[in-house]
Amino acid sequence: MSEAYIEDFLQKVESGLQEAQQHMLEEKALHNSSVVVSDGNGCVLEIPAKKILTQSKF
């Protein structure tokens, strides 16, 4: 496999993961659910999906 092929494949996988994450957040927001995330320091936070959607745009 060429390096260009691998890079293209990885880009497609990353794009698909971002799309799936967006759909998951939208579905959770429709049901007023929260999402469990890390704060980057090892602590776990539960944040409403609607808040995440309003603060970040993919």
N, C-alpha and C. Protein backbone atom coordinates (compact mmCIF):
# COMPACT_ATOMS: atom_id res chain seq x y z
N MET A 1 0.84 -1.19 0.00
CA MET A 1 0.00 0.00 0.00
C MET A 1 0.87 1.24 0.00
N SER A 2 0.47 2.19 -0.78
CA SER A 2 1.23 3.43 -0.84
C SER A 2 0.87 4.33 0.34
N GLU A 3 1.75 5.24 0.63
CA GLU A 3 1.52 6.18 1.73
C GLU A 3 0.31 7.07 1.45
N ALA A 4 0.13 7.45 0.19
CA ALA A 4 -1.01 8.29 -0.19
C ALA A 4 -2.33 7.55 0.05
N TYR A 5 -2.35 6.27 -0.25
CA TYR A 5 -3.55 5.46 -0.04
C TYR A 5 -3.89 5.38 1.45
N ILE A 6 -2.86 5.15 2.26
CA ILE A 6 -3.07 5.05 3.71
C ILE A 6 -3.56 6.38 4.27
N GLU A 7 -2.97 7.49 3.83
CA GLU A 7 -3.39 8.81 4.29
C GLU A 7 -4.84 9.08 3.90
N ASP A 8 -5.22 8.72 2.68
CA ASP A 8 -6.59 8.89 2.22
C ASP A 8 -7.56 8.05 3.06
N PHE A 9 -7.16 6.82 3.34
CA PHE A 9 -7.99 5.93 4.15
C PHE A 9 -8.19 6.50 5.56
N LEU A 10 -7.11 6.95 6.18
CA LEU A 10 -7.19 7.51 7.53
C LEU A 10 -8.06 8.76 7.55
N GLN A 11 -7.98 9.58 6.51
CA GLN A 11 -8.80 10.78 6.42
C GLN A 11 -10.28 10.42 6.35
N LYS A 12 -10.60 9.38 5.57
CA LYS A 12 -11.98 8.93 5.45
C LYS A 12 -12.50 8.39 6.78
N VAL A 13 -11.66 7.64 7.50
CA VAL A 13 -12.06 7.10 8.80
C VAL A 13 -12.31 8.24 9.78
N GLU A 14 -11.41 9.21 9.83
CA GLU A 14 -11.57 10.35 10.73
C GLU A 14 -12.84 11.15 10.40
N SER A 15 -13.09 11.35 9.14
CA SER A 15 -14.28 12.06 8.71
C SER A 15 -15.55 11.31 9.13
N GLY A 16 -15.54 10.01 8.96
CA GLY A 16 -16.68 9.19 9.37
C GLY A 16 -16.91 9.22 10.86
N LEU A 17 -15.84 9.22 11.64
CA LEU A 17 -15.96 9.28 13.10
C LEU A 17 -16.54 10.62 13.55
N GLN A 18 -16.10 11.70 12.91
CA GLN A 18 -16.63 13.02 13.24
C GLN A 18 -18.12 13.11 12.90
N GLU A 19 -18.50 12.55 11.78
CA GLU A 19 -19.90 12.56 11.38
C GLU A 19 -20.75 11.74 12.36
N ALA A 20 -20.24 10.59 12.77
CA ALA A 20 -20.96 9.74 13.73
C ALA A 20 -21.10 10.44 15.08
N GLN A 21 -20.04 11.13 15.51
CA GLN A 21 -20.09 11.87 16.76
C GLN A 21 -21.13 12.98 16.70
N GLN A 22 -21.18 13.68 15.59
CA GLN A 22 -22.16 14.75 15.41
C GLN A 22 -23.58 14.20 15.49
N HIS A 23 -23.82 13.09 14.81
CA HIS A 23 -25.16 12.47 14.83
C HIS A 23 -25.53 12.00 16.23
N MET A 24 -24.56 11.45 16.96
CA MET A 24 -24.81 11.00 18.33
C MET A 24 -25.18 12.18 19.22
N LEU A 25 -24.45 13.28 19.09
CA LEU A 25 -24.76 14.46 19.89
C LEU A 25 -26.14 15.01 19.57
N GLU A 26 -26.49 15.04 18.29
CA GLU A 26 -27.81 15.54 17.89
C GLU A 26 -28.92 14.65 18.45
N GLU A 27 -28.72 13.34 18.40
CA GLU A 27 -29.72 12.40 18.93
C GLU A 27 -29.87 12.57 20.44
N LYS A 28 -28.75 12.69 21.14
CA LYS A 28 -28.80 12.89 22.60
C LYS A 28 -29.47 14.22 22.94
N ALA A 29 -29.20 15.26 22.15
CA ALA A 29 -29.81 16.56 22.40
C ALA A 29 -31.32 16.50 22.21
N LEU A 30 -31.78 15.74 21.23
CA LEU A 30 -33.22 15.60 21.00
C LEU A 30 -33.92 14.99 22.22
N HIS A 31 -33.21 14.14 22.94
CA HIS A 31 -33.78 13.46 24.10
C HIS A 31 -33.36 14.11 25.42
N ASN A 32 -32.79 15.30 25.33
CA ASN A 32 -32.33 16.03 26.52
C ASN A 32 -31.41 15.17 27.39
N SER A 33 -30.52 14.43 26.74
CA SER A 33 -29.58 13.57 27.45
C SER A 33 -28.24 14.26 27.62
N SER A 34 -27.46 13.71 28.52
CA SER A 34 -26.11 14.22 28.77
C SER A 34 -25.09 13.28 28.14
N VAL A 35 -23.88 13.80 28.00
CA VAL A 35 -22.76 13.03 27.45
C VAL A 35 -21.66 13.04 28.51
N VAL A 36 -21.05 11.89 28.72
CA VAL A 36 -19.95 11.78 29.68
C VAL A 36 -18.66 12.05 28.94
N VAL A 37 -17.89 13.02 29.43
CA VAL A 37 -16.63 13.41 28.80
C VAL A 37 -15.55 13.57 29.86
N SER A 38 -14.32 13.62 29.41
CA SER A 38 -13.19 13.86 30.30
C SER A 38 -12.85 15.35 30.27
N ASP A 39 -12.40 15.88 31.39
CA ASP A 39 -12.00 17.28 31.43
C ASP A 39 -10.54 17.47 31.04
N GLY A 40 -9.86 16.38 30.70
CA GLY A 40 -8.46 16.45 30.32
C GLY A 40 -7.51 16.24 31.49
N ASN A 41 -8.05 16.26 32.70
CA ASN A 41 -7.23 16.06 33.90
C ASN A 41 -7.58 14.75 34.60
N GLY A 42 -8.32 13.89 33.92
CA GLY A 42 -8.69 12.61 34.50
C GLY A 42 -10.03 12.60 35.21
N CYS A 43 -10.67 13.74 35.28
CA CYS A 43 -11.99 13.81 35.90
C CYS A 43 -13.07 13.60 34.84
N VAL A 44 -14.16 12.99 35.26
CA VAL A 44 -15.27 12.71 34.36
C VAL A 44 -16.36 13.75 34.59
N LEU A 45 -16.88 14.31 33.50
CA LEU A 45 -17.94 15.30 33.57
C LEU A 45 -19.15 14.79 32.80
N GLU A 46 -20.31 15.15 33.25
CA GLU A 46 -21.54 14.83 32.53
C GLU A 46 -22.13 16.16 32.06
N ILE A 47 -22.14 16.36 30.75
CA ILE A 47 -22.54 17.64 30.17
C ILE A 47 -23.74 17.42 29.25
N PRO A 48 -24.75 18.30 29.33
CA PRO A 48 -25.88 18.16 28.41
C PRO A 48 -25.42 18.26 26.95
N ALA A 49 -25.93 17.38 26.12
CA ALA A 49 -25.54 17.35 24.71
C ALA A 49 -25.86 18.68 24.02
N LYS A 50 -26.97 19.31 24.40
CA LYS A 50 -27.33 20.59 23.80
C LYS A 50 -26.25 21.64 24.04
N LYS A 51 -25.65 21.63 25.22
CA LYS A 51 -24.61 22.59 25.54
C LYS A 51 -23.37 22.36 24.67
N ILE A 52 -23.02 21.11 24.46
CA ILE A 52 -21.88 20.79 23.61
C ILE A 52 -22.14 21.25 22.19
N LEU A 53 -23.34 21.01 21.69
CA LEU A 53 -23.68 21.39 20.31
C LEU A 53 -23.63 22.89 20.12
N THR A 54 -24.08 23.65 21.12
CA THR A 54 -24.09 25.10 20.97
C THR A 54 -22.70 25.71 21.09
N GLN A 55 -21.80 25.04 21.82
CA GLN A 55 -20.46 25.59 22.03
C GLN A 55 -19.47 25.21 20.94
N SER A 56 -19.71 24.10 20.26
CA SER A 56 -18.75 23.67 19.25
C SER A 56 -19.45 23.31 17.96
N LYS A 57 -18.90 23.74 16.88
CA LYS A 57 -19.42 23.40 15.57
C LYS A 57 -18.37 22.59 14.85
N PHE A 58 -18.78 21.47 14.29
CA PHE A 58 -17.85 20.57 13.60
C PHE A 58 -17.56 21.08 12.23
